[in-house]
């Protein structure tokens, strides 16, 4: 199954990486990016295994383990659409 990133999700990822680059340097930013992408990629095998979101109807929530982020995704028969990456301290709705 293919994974598609929305423009909003790409913007969220870019913002996250800029933050880590400025606060902790390029090595940390690279590790954060790798961790987020690795976690999103796990959806290819079992996209229905993540919880249905109660905060954003029609989506599912993927917790990015060891980081304070949640990915909101929609699962379709032919693709997984990454909608947003949200810091867990952020207020909802997105």
PDB file of N, CA and C in Angstrom:
ATOM      1  N   UNK A   1       0.847  -1.175   0.000  1.00  0.00           N
ATOM      2  CA  UNK A   1       0.000   0.000   0.000  1.00  0.00           C
ATOM      3  C   UNK A   1       0.895   1.241   0.000  1.00  0.00           C
ATOM      4  N   UNK A   2       0.513   2.228  -0.745  1.00  0.00           N
ATOM      5  CA  UNK A   2       1.358   3.417  -0.809  1.00  0.00           C
ATOM      6  C   UNK A   2       0.950   4.442   0.240  1.00  0.00           C
ATOM      7  N   UNK A   3       1.912   5.221   0.627  1.00  0.00           N
ATOM      8  CA  UNK A   3       1.694   6.277   1.616  1.00  0.00           C
ATOM      9  C   UNK A   3       1.827   7.618   0.919  1.00  0.00           C
ATOM     10  N   UNK A   4       0.830   8.463   1.116  1.00  0.00           N
ATOM     11  CA  UNK A   4       0.799   9.791   0.503  1.00  0.00           C
ATOM     12  C   UNK A   4       0.776  10.817   1.629  1.00  0.00           C
ATOM     13  N   UNK A   5       1.633  11.817   1.523  1.00  0.00           N
ATOM     14  CA  UNK A   5       1.686  12.895   2.519  1.00  0.00           C
ATOM     15  C   UNK A   5       0.964  14.114   1.962  1.00  0.00           C
ATOM     16  N   UNK A   6       0.047  14.658   2.741  1.00  0.00           N
ATOM     17  CA  UNK A   6      -0.613  15.905   2.355  1.00  0.00           C
ATOM     18  C   UNK A   6       0.381  17.058   2.482  1.00  0.00           C
ATOM     19  N   UNK A   7       0.060  18.166   1.850  1.00  0.00           N
ATOM     20  CA  UNK A   7       0.911  19.355   1.975  1.00  0.00           C
ATOM     21  C   UNK A   7       0.999  19.792   3.431  1.00  0.00           C
ATOM     22  N   UNK A   8      -0.125  19.711   4.137  1.00  0.00           N
ATOM     23  CA  UNK A   8      -0.141  20.099   5.556  1.00  0.00           C
ATOM     24  C   UNK A   8       0.793  19.211   6.378  1.00  0.00           C
ATOM     25  N   UNK A   9       0.793  17.913   6.107  1.00  0.00           N
ATOM     26  CA  UNK A   9       1.673  16.994   6.836  1.00  0.00           C
ATOM     27  C   UNK A   9       3.137  17.269   6.512  1.00  0.00           C
ATOM     28  N   UNK A  10       3.430  17.558   5.257  1.00  0.00           N
ATOM     29  CA  UNK A  10       4.810  17.902   4.882  1.00  0.00           C
ATOM     30  C   UNK A  10       5.252  19.192   5.564  1.00  0.00           C
ATOM     31  N   UNK A  11       4.341  20.165   5.649  1.00  0.00           N
ATOM     32  CA  UNK A  11       4.644  21.411   6.353  1.00  0.00           C
ATOM     33  C   UNK A  11       4.884  21.146   7.838  1.00  0.00           C
ATOM     34  N   UNK A  12       4.049  20.287   8.430  1.00  0.00           N
ATOM     35  CA  UNK A  12       4.229  19.936   9.838  1.00  0.00           C
ATOM     36  C   UNK A  12       5.592  19.297  10.065  1.00  0.00           C
ATOM     37  N   UNK A  13       5.964  18.364   9.190  1.00  0.00           N
ATOM     38  CA  UNK A  13       7.257  17.694   9.312  1.00  0.00           C
ATOM     39  C   UNK A  13       8.398  18.703   9.182  1.00  0.00           C
ATOM     40  N   UNK A  14       8.289  19.603   8.230  1.00  0.00           N
ATOM     41  CA  UNK A  14       9.325  20.623   8.050  1.00  0.00           C
ATOM     42  C   UNK A  14       9.451  21.497   9.296  1.00  0.00           C
ATOM     43  N   UNK A  15       8.336  21.897   9.865  1.00  0.00           N
ATOM     44  CA  UNK A  15       8.353  22.714  11.088  1.00  0.00           C
ATOM     45  C   UNK A  15       9.003  21.968  12.250  1.00  0.00           C
ATOM     46  N   UNK A  16       8.672  20.695  12.383  1.00  0.00           N
ATOM     47  CA  UNK A  16       9.264  19.871  13.436  1.00  0.00           C
ATOM     48  C   UNK A  16      10.778  19.790  13.261  1.00  0.00           C
ATOM     49  N   UNK A  17      11.215  19.558  12.043  1.00  0.00           N
ATOM     50  CA  UNK A  17      12.649  19.415  11.784  1.00  0.00           C
ATOM     51  C   UNK A  17      13.398  20.722  12.000  1.00  0.00           C
ATOM     52  N   UNK A  18      12.805  21.838  11.622  1.00  0.00           N
ATOM     53  CA  UNK A  18      13.438  23.138  11.872  1.00  0.00           C
ATOM     54  C   UNK A  18      13.604  23.350  13.375  1.00  0.00           C
ATOM     55  N   UNK A  19      12.574  23.018  14.134  1.00  0.00           N
ATOM     56  CA  UNK A  19      12.653  23.167  15.588  1.00  0.00           C
ATOM     57  C   UNK A  19      13.825  22.354  16.145  1.00  0.00           C
ATOM     58  N   UNK A  20      13.891  21.081  15.795  1.00  0.00           N
ATOM     59  CA  UNK A  20      14.973  20.241  16.327  1.00  0.00           C
ATOM     60  C   UNK A  20      16.339  20.667  15.804  1.00  0.00           C
ATOM     61  N   UNK A  21      16.398  21.122  14.586  1.00  0.00           N
ATOM     62  CA  UNK A  21      17.660  21.611  14.032  1.00  0.00           C
ATOM     63  C   UNK A  21      18.155  22.814  14.828  1.00  0.00           C
ATOM     64  N   UNK A  22      17.258  23.740  15.123  1.00  0.00           N
ATOM     65  CA  UNK A  22      17.634  24.943  15.875  1.00  0.00           C
ATOM     66  C   UNK A  22      17.926  24.649  17.347  1.00  0.00           C
ATOM     67  N   UNK A  23      17.163  23.738  17.941  1.00  0.00           N
ATOM     68  CA  UNK A  23      17.297  23.474  19.371  1.00  0.00           C
ATOM     69  C   UNK A  23      18.381  22.457  19.715  1.00  0.00           C
ATOM     70  N   UNK A  24      18.573  21.471  18.850  1.00  0.00           N
ATOM     71  CA  UNK A  24      19.465  20.360  19.220  1.00  0.00           C
ATOM     72  C   UNK A  24      20.483  19.992  18.156  1.00  0.00           C
ATOM     73  N   UNK A  25      20.391  20.577  16.977  1.00  0.00           N
ATOM     74  CA  UNK A  25      21.382  20.331  15.948  1.00  0.00           C
ATOM     75  C   UNK A  25      20.949  19.328  14.892  1.00  0.00           C
ATOM     76  N   UNK A  26      21.751  19.209  13.835  1.00  0.00           N
ATOM     77  CA  UNK A  26      21.379  18.392  12.683  1.00  0.00           C
ATOM     78  C   UNK A  26      21.287  16.895  12.972  1.00  0.00           C
ATOM     79  N   UNK A  27      22.109  16.382  13.848  1.00  0.00           N
ATOM     80  CA  UNK A  27      22.062  14.946  14.137  1.00  0.00           C
ATOM     81  C   UNK A  27      20.728  14.574  14.798  1.00  0.00           C
ATOM     82  N   UNK A  28      20.296  15.383  15.734  1.00  0.00           N
ATOM     83  CA  UNK A  28      19.018  15.125  16.400  1.00  0.00           C
ATOM     84  C   UNK A  28      17.860  15.282  15.423  1.00  0.00           C
ATOM     85  N   UNK A  29      17.907  16.317  14.603  1.00  0.00           N
ATOM     86  CA  UNK A  29      16.852  16.526  13.605  1.00  0.00           C
ATOM     87  C   UNK A  29      16.771  15.329  12.659  1.00  0.00           C
ATOM     88  N   UNK A  30      17.897  14.794  12.255  1.00  0.00           N
ATOM     89  CA  UNK A  30      17.913  13.628  11.370  1.00  0.00           C
ATOM     90  C   UNK A  30      17.323  12.405  12.061  1.00  0.00           C
ATOM     91  N   UNK A  31      17.624  12.224  13.339  1.00  0.00           N
ATOM     92  CA  UNK A  31      17.053  11.087  14.084  1.00  0.00           C
ATOM     93  C   UNK A  31      15.545  11.227  14.235  1.00  0.00           C
ATOM     94  N   UNK A  32      15.088  12.434  14.495  1.00  0.00           N
ATOM     95  CA  UNK A  32      13.651  12.679  14.628  1.00  0.00           C
ATOM     96  C   UNK A  32      12.956  12.397  13.295  1.00  0.00           C
ATOM     97  N   UNK A  33      13.510  12.889  12.219  1.00  0.00           N
ATOM     98  CA  UNK A  33      12.928  12.645  10.897  1.00  0.00           C
ATOM     99  C   UNK A  33      12.866  11.148  10.605  1.00  0.00           C
ATOM    100  N   UNK A  34      13.947  10.447  10.867  1.00  0.00           N
ATOM    101  CA  UNK A  34      13.984   8.999  10.620  1.00  0.00           C
ATOM    102  C   UNK A  34      12.937   8.271  11.455  1.00  0.00           C
ATOM    103  N   UNK A  35      12.787   8.683  12.709  1.00  0.00           N
ATOM    104  CA  UNK A  35      11.829   8.028  13.599  1.00  0.00           C
ATOM    105  C   UNK A  35      10.396   8.254  13.114  1.00  0.00           C
ATOM    106  N   UNK A  36      10.075   9.460  12.716  1.00  0.00           N
ATOM    107  CA  UNK A  36       8.726   9.757  12.233  1.00  0.00           C
ATOM    108  C   UNK A  36       8.428   8.956  10.967  1.00  0.00           C
ATOM    109  N   UNK A  37       9.337   8.982  10.022  1.00  0.00           N
ATOM    110  CA  UNK A  37       9.121   8.267   8.759  1.00  0.00           C
ATOM    111  C   UNK A  37       9.048   6.763   8.989  1.00  0.00           C
ATOM    112  N   UNK A  38       9.930   6.247   9.836  1.00  0.00           N
ATOM    113  CA  UNK A  38       9.911   4.816  10.158  1.00  0.00           C
ATOM    114  C   UNK A  38       8.563   4.403  10.746  1.00  0.00           C
ATOM    115  N   UNK A  39       8.050   5.216  11.642  1.00  0.00           N
ATOM    116  CA  UNK A  39       6.771   4.902  12.290  1.00  0.00           C
ATOM    117  C   UNK A  39       5.619   4.961  11.280  1.00  0.00           C
ATOM    118  N   UNK A  40       5.627   5.954  10.404  1.00  0.00           N
ATOM    119  CA  UNK A  40       4.592   6.064   9.364  1.00  0.00           C
ATOM    120  C   UNK A  40       4.664   4.854   8.431  1.00  0.00           C
ATOM    121  N   UNK A  41       5.867   4.441   8.089  1.00  0.00           N
ATOM    122  CA  UNK A  41       6.051   3.306   7.175  1.00  0.00           C
ATOM    123  C   UNK A  41       5.489   2.002   7.740  1.00  0.00           C
ATOM    124  N   UNK A  42       5.409   1.871   9.064  1.00  0.00           N
ATOM    125  CA  UNK A  42       4.860   0.648   9.645  1.00  0.00           C
ATOM    126  C   UNK A  42       3.392   0.457   9.268  1.00  0.00           C
ATOM    127  N   UNK A  43       2.740   1.512   8.844  1.00  0.00           N
ATOM    128  CA  UNK A  43       1.332   1.423   8.461  1.00  0.00           C
ATOM    129  C   UNK A  43       1.117   0.590   7.203  1.00  0.00           C
ATOM    130  N   UNK A  44       2.139   0.448   6.388  1.00  0.00           N
ATOM    131  CA  UNK A  44       1.988  -0.324   5.145  1.00  0.00           C
ATOM    132  C   UNK A  44       1.480  -1.736   5.422  1.00  0.00           C
ATOM    133  N   UNK A  45       1.983  -2.360   6.465  1.00  0.00           N
ATOM    134  CA  UNK A  45       1.628  -3.746   6.759  1.00  0.00           C
ATOM    135  C   UNK A  45       0.246  -3.879   7.403  1.00  0.00           C
ATOM    136  N   UNK A  46      -0.063  -3.005   8.359  1.00  0.00           N
ATOM    137  CA  UNK A  46      -1.317  -3.128   9.109  1.00  0.00           C
ATOM    138  C   UNK A  46      -1.956  -1.758   9.331  1.00  0.00           C
ATOM    139  N   UNK A  47      -2.457  -1.138   8.277  1.00  0.00           N
ATOM    140  CA  UNK A  47      -3.000   0.221   8.431  1.00  0.00           C
ATOM    141  C   UNK A  47      -4.229   0.300   9.330  1.00  0.00           C
ATOM    142  N   UNK A  48      -4.976  -0.768   9.428  1.00  0.00           N
ATOM    143  CA  UNK A  48      -6.191  -0.760  10.244  1.00  0.00           C
ATOM    144  C   UNK A  48      -5.891  -1.013  11.720  1.00  0.00           C
ATOM    145  N   UNK A  49      -4.629  -1.262  12.054  1.00  0.00           N
ATOM    146  CA  UNK A  49      -4.282  -1.622  13.431  1.00  0.00           C
ATOM    147  C   UNK A  49      -4.220  -0.425  14.383  1.00  0.00           C
ATOM    148  N   UNK A  50      -4.194   0.784  13.854  1.00  0.00           N
ATOM    149  CA  UNK A  50      -4.117   1.954  14.734  1.00  0.00           C
ATOM    150  C   UNK A  50      -5.516   2.433  15.107  1.00  0.00           C
ATOM    151  N   UNK A  51      -5.587   3.143  16.201  1.00  0.00           N
ATOM    152  CA  UNK A  51      -6.887   3.521  16.752  1.00  0.00           C
ATOM    153  C   UNK A  51      -7.616   4.553  15.896  1.00  0.00           C
ATOM    154  N   UNK A  52      -8.927   4.437  15.928  1.00  0.00           N
ATOM    155  CA  UNK A  52      -9.785   5.415  15.281  1.00  0.00           C
ATOM    156  C   UNK A  52      -9.784   6.671  16.142  1.00  0.00           C
ATOM    157  N   UNK A  53      -9.670   7.809  15.504  1.00  0.00           N
ATOM    158  CA  UNK A  53      -9.604   9.068  16.234  1.00  0.00           C
ATOM    159  C   UNK A  53     -10.975   9.491  16.720  1.00  0.00           C
ATOM    160  N   UNK A  54     -11.028   9.874  17.977  1.00  0.00           N
ATOM    161  CA  UNK A  54     -12.235  10.484  18.514  1.00  0.00           C
ATOM    162  C   UNK A  54     -12.178  12.000  18.377  1.00  0.00           C
ATOM    163  N   UNK A  55     -10.970  12.515  18.146  1.00  0.00           N
ATOM    164  CA  UNK A  55     -10.774  13.971  18.045  1.00  0.00           C
ATOM    165  C   UNK A  55     -11.046  14.502  16.649  1.00  0.00           C
ATOM    166  N   UNK A  56     -10.696  13.709  15.635  1.00  0.00           N
ATOM    167  CA  UNK A  56     -10.883  14.135  14.247  1.00  0.00           C
ATOM    168  C   UNK A  56     -11.655  13.028  13.529  1.00  0.00           C
ATOM    169  N   UNK A  57     -12.971  13.186  13.387  1.00  0.00           N
ATOM    170  CA  UNK A  57     -13.788  12.141  12.768  1.00  0.00           C
ATOM    171  C   UNK A  57     -13.271  11.732  11.391  1.00  0.00           C
ATOM    172  N   UNK A  58     -13.350  10.438  11.118  1.00  0.00           N
ATOM    173  CA  UNK A  58     -12.946   9.915   9.813  1.00  0.00           C
ATOM    174  C   UNK A  58     -11.461   9.668   9.678  1.00  0.00           C
ATOM    175  N   UNK A  59     -10.725   9.808  10.781  1.00  0.00           N
ATOM    176  CA  UNK A  59      -9.280   9.592  10.725  1.00  0.00           C
ATOM    177  C   UNK A  59      -8.867   8.542  11.754  1.00  0.00           C
ATOM    178  N   UNK A  60      -7.603   8.185  11.664  1.00  0.00           N
ATOM    179  CA  UNK A  60      -6.974   7.306  12.646  1.00  0.00           C
ATOM    180  C   UNK A  60      -5.760   8.038  13.199  1.00  0.00           C
ATOM    181  N   UNK A  61      -5.372   7.654  14.424  1.00  0.00           N
ATOM    182  CA  UNK A  61      -4.240   8.305  15.092  1.00  0.00           C
ATOM    183  C   UNK A  61      -3.096   7.311  15.261  1.00  0.00           C
ATOM    184  N   UNK A  62      -1.927   7.721  14.834  1.00  0.00           N
ATOM    185  CA  UNK A  62      -0.717   6.928  15.011  1.00  0.00           C
ATOM    186  C   UNK A  62       0.209   7.683  15.953  1.00  0.00           C
ATOM    187  N   UNK A  63       0.442   7.109  17.113  1.00  0.00           N
ATOM    188  CA  UNK A  63       1.355   7.721  18.076  1.00  0.00           C
ATOM    189  C   UNK A  63       2.783   7.479  17.593  1.00  0.00           C
ATOM    190  N   UNK A  64       3.559   8.548  17.545  1.00  0.00           N
ATOM    191  CA  UNK A  64       4.967   8.436  17.180  1.00  0.00           C
ATOM    192  C   UNK A  64       5.717   8.150  18.476  1.00  0.00           C
ATOM    193  N   UNK A  65       6.026   6.896  18.697  1.00  0.00           N
ATOM    194  CA  UNK A  65       6.649   6.476  19.949  1.00  0.00           C
ATOM    195  C   UNK A  65       7.982   7.184  20.173  1.00  0.00           C
ATOM    196  N   UNK A  66       8.218   7.530  21.430  1.00  0.00           N
ATOM    197  CA  UNK A  66       9.426   8.212  21.901  1.00  0.00           C
ATOM    198  C   UNK A  66       9.540   9.657  21.426  1.00  0.00           C
ATOM    199  N   UNK A  67       8.478  10.162  20.813  1.00  0.00           N
ATOM    200  CA  UNK A  67       8.409  11.574  20.428  1.00  0.00           C
ATOM    201  C   UNK A  67       7.015  12.086  20.787  1.00  0.00           C
ATOM    202  N   UNK A  68       6.868  13.381  21.018  1.00  0.00           N
ATOM    203  CA  UNK A  68       5.563  13.908  21.429  1.00  0.00           C
ATOM    204  C   UNK A  68       4.662  14.285  20.246  1.00  0.00           C
ATOM    205  N   UNK A  69       4.498  13.358  19.306  1.00  0.00           N
ATOM    206  CA  UNK A  69       3.704  13.650  18.112  1.00  0.00           C
ATOM    207  C   UNK A  69       2.712  12.539  17.820  1.00  0.00           C
ATOM    208  N   UNK A  70       1.610  12.950  17.201  1.00  0.00           N
ATOM    209  CA  UNK A  70       0.602  12.023  16.708  1.00  0.00           C
ATOM    210  C   UNK A  70       0.411  12.326  15.226  1.00  0.00           C
ATOM    211  N   UNK A  71       0.382  11.282  14.417  1.00  0.00           N
ATOM    212  CA  UNK A  71       0.072  11.432  12.995  1.00  0.00           C
ATOM    213  C   UNK A  71      -1.400  11.105  12.803  1.00  0.00           C
ATOM    214  N   UNK A  72      -2.108  12.002  12.154  1.00  0.00           N
ATOM    215  CA  UNK A  72      -3.505  11.753  11.798  1.00  0.00           C
ATOM    216  C   UNK A  72      -3.520  11.289  10.351  1.00  0.00           C
ATOM    217  N   UNK A  73      -4.134  10.133  10.123  1.00  0.00           N
ATOM    218  CA  UNK A  73      -4.135   9.533   8.791  1.00  0.00           C
ATOM    219  C   UNK A  73      -5.541   9.089   8.411  1.00  0.00           C
ATOM    220  N   UNK A  74      -5.745   8.964   7.122  1.00  0.00           N
ATOM    221  CA  UNK A  74      -6.948   8.339   6.589  1.00  0.00           C
ATOM    222  C   UNK A  74      -6.492   7.117   5.805  1.00  0.00           C
ATOM    223  N   UNK A  75      -7.215   6.021   5.999  1.00  0.00           N
ATOM    224  CA  UNK A  75      -6.875   4.772   5.324  1.00  0.00           C
ATOM    225  C   UNK A  75      -7.891   4.519   4.223  1.00  0.00           C
ATOM    226  N   UNK A  76      -7.397   4.358   3.007  1.00  0.00           N
ATOM    227  CA  UNK A  76      -8.214   4.058   1.843  1.00  0.00           C
ATOM    228  C   UNK A  76      -7.804   2.685   1.310  1.00  0.00           C
ATOM    229  N   UNK A  77      -8.591   2.083   0.460  1.00  0.00           N
ATOM    230  CA  UNK A  77      -8.225   0.757  -0.052  1.00  0.00           C
ATOM    231  C   UNK A  77      -6.876   0.717  -0.782  1.00  0.00           C
ATOM    232  N   UNK A  78      -6.490   1.822  -1.417  1.00  0.00           N
ATOM    233  CA  UNK A  78      -5.264   1.821  -2.212  1.00  0.00           C
ATOM    234  C   UNK A  78      -4.134   2.671  -1.650  1.00  0.00           C
ATOM    235  N   UNK A  79      -4.407   3.409  -0.556  1.00  0.00           N
ATOM    236  CA  UNK A  79      -3.375   4.306  -0.029  1.00  0.00           C
ATOM    237  C   UNK A  79      -3.665   4.696   1.417  1.00  0.00           C
ATOM    238  N   UNK A  80      -2.634   5.214   2.038  1.00  0.00           N
ATOM    239  CA  UNK A  80      -2.743   5.802   3.375  1.00  0.00           C
ATOM    240  C   UNK A  80      -2.375   7.269   3.209  1.00  0.00           C
ATOM    241  N   UNK A  81      -3.257   8.147   3.612  1.00  0.00           N
ATOM    242  CA  UNK A  81      -3.027   9.583   3.487  1.00  0.00           C
ATOM    243  C   UNK A  81      -2.652  10.149   4.852  1.00  0.00           C
ATOM    244  N   UNK A  82      -1.441  10.686   4.945  1.00  0.00           N
ATOM    245  CA  UNK A  82      -0.989  11.342   6.171  1.00  0.00           C
ATOM    246  C   UNK A  82      -1.499  12.778   6.107  1.00  0.00           C
ATOM    247  N   UNK A  83      -2.362  13.128   7.059  1.00  0.00           N
ATOM    248  CA  UNK A  83      -3.000  14.445   7.047  1.00  0.00           C
ATOM    249  C   UNK A  83      -2.210  15.488   7.813  1.00  0.00           C
ATOM    250  N   UNK A  84      -1.787  15.148   9.034  1.00  0.00           N
ATOM    251  CA  UNK A  84      -1.085  16.091   9.902  1.00  0.00           C
ATOM    252  C   UNK A  84      -0.192  15.349  10.875  1.00  0.00           C
ATOM    253  N   UNK A  85       0.822  16.051  11.344  1.00  0.00           N
ATOM    254  CA  UNK A  85       1.645  15.618  12.473  1.00  0.00           C
ATOM    255  C   UNK A  85       1.445  16.683  13.541  1.00  0.00           C
ATOM    256  N   UNK A  86       0.892  16.286  14.667  1.00  0.00           N
ATOM    257  CA  UNK A  86       0.506  17.244  15.694  1.00  0.00           C
ATOM    258  C   UNK A  86       1.247  16.945  16.992  1.00  0.00           C
ATOM    259  N   UNK A  87       1.773  17.983  17.622  1.00  0.00           N
ATOM    260  CA  UNK A  87       2.399  17.828  18.938  1.00  0.00           C
ATOM    261  C   UNK A  87       1.307  17.466  19.936  1.00  0.00           C
ATOM    262  N   UNK A  88       1.610  16.565  20.840  1.00  0.00           N
ATOM    263  CA  UNK A  88       0.589  16.090  21.777  1.00  0.00           C
ATOM    264  C   UNK A  88       0.093  17.174  22.725  1.00  0.00           C
ATOM    265  N   UNK A  89       0.833  18.251  22.889  1.00  0.00           N
ATOM    266  CA  UNK A  89       0.390  19.349  23.756  1.00  0.00           C
ATOM    267  C   UNK A  89      -0.537  20.329  23.037  1.00  0.00           C
ATOM    268  N   UNK A  90      -0.673  20.174  21.742  1.00  0.00           N
ATOM    269  CA  UNK A  90      -1.495  21.095  20.950  1.00  0.00           C
ATOM    270  C   UNK A  90      -2.978  20.838  21.191  1.00  0.00           C
ATOM    271  N   UNK A  91      -3.747  21.901  21.202  1.00  0.00           N
ATOM    272  CA  UNK A  91      -5.195  21.778  21.393  1.00  0.00           C
ATOM    273  C   UNK A  91      -5.853  21.331  20.100  1.00  0.00           C
ATOM    274  N   UNK A  92      -6.970  20.630  20.252  1.00  0.00           N
ATOM    275  CA  UNK A  92      -7.716  20.144  19.107  1.00  0.00           C
ATOM    276  C   UNK A  92      -8.999  20.938  18.992  1.00  0.00           C
ATOM    277  N   UNK A  93      -9.634  21.023  17.846  1.00  0.00           N
ATOM    278  CA  UNK A  93      -9.333  20.304  16.620  1.00  0.00           C
ATOM    279  C   UNK A  93      -8.152  20.902  15.883  1.00  0.00           C
ATOM    280  N   UNK A  94      -7.629  20.109  14.926  1.00  0.00           N
ATOM    281  CA  UNK A  94      -6.465  20.556  14.156  1.00  0.00           C
ATOM    282  C   UNK A  94      -6.906  21.446  13.026  1.00  0.00           C
TER     283      UNK A  94
END
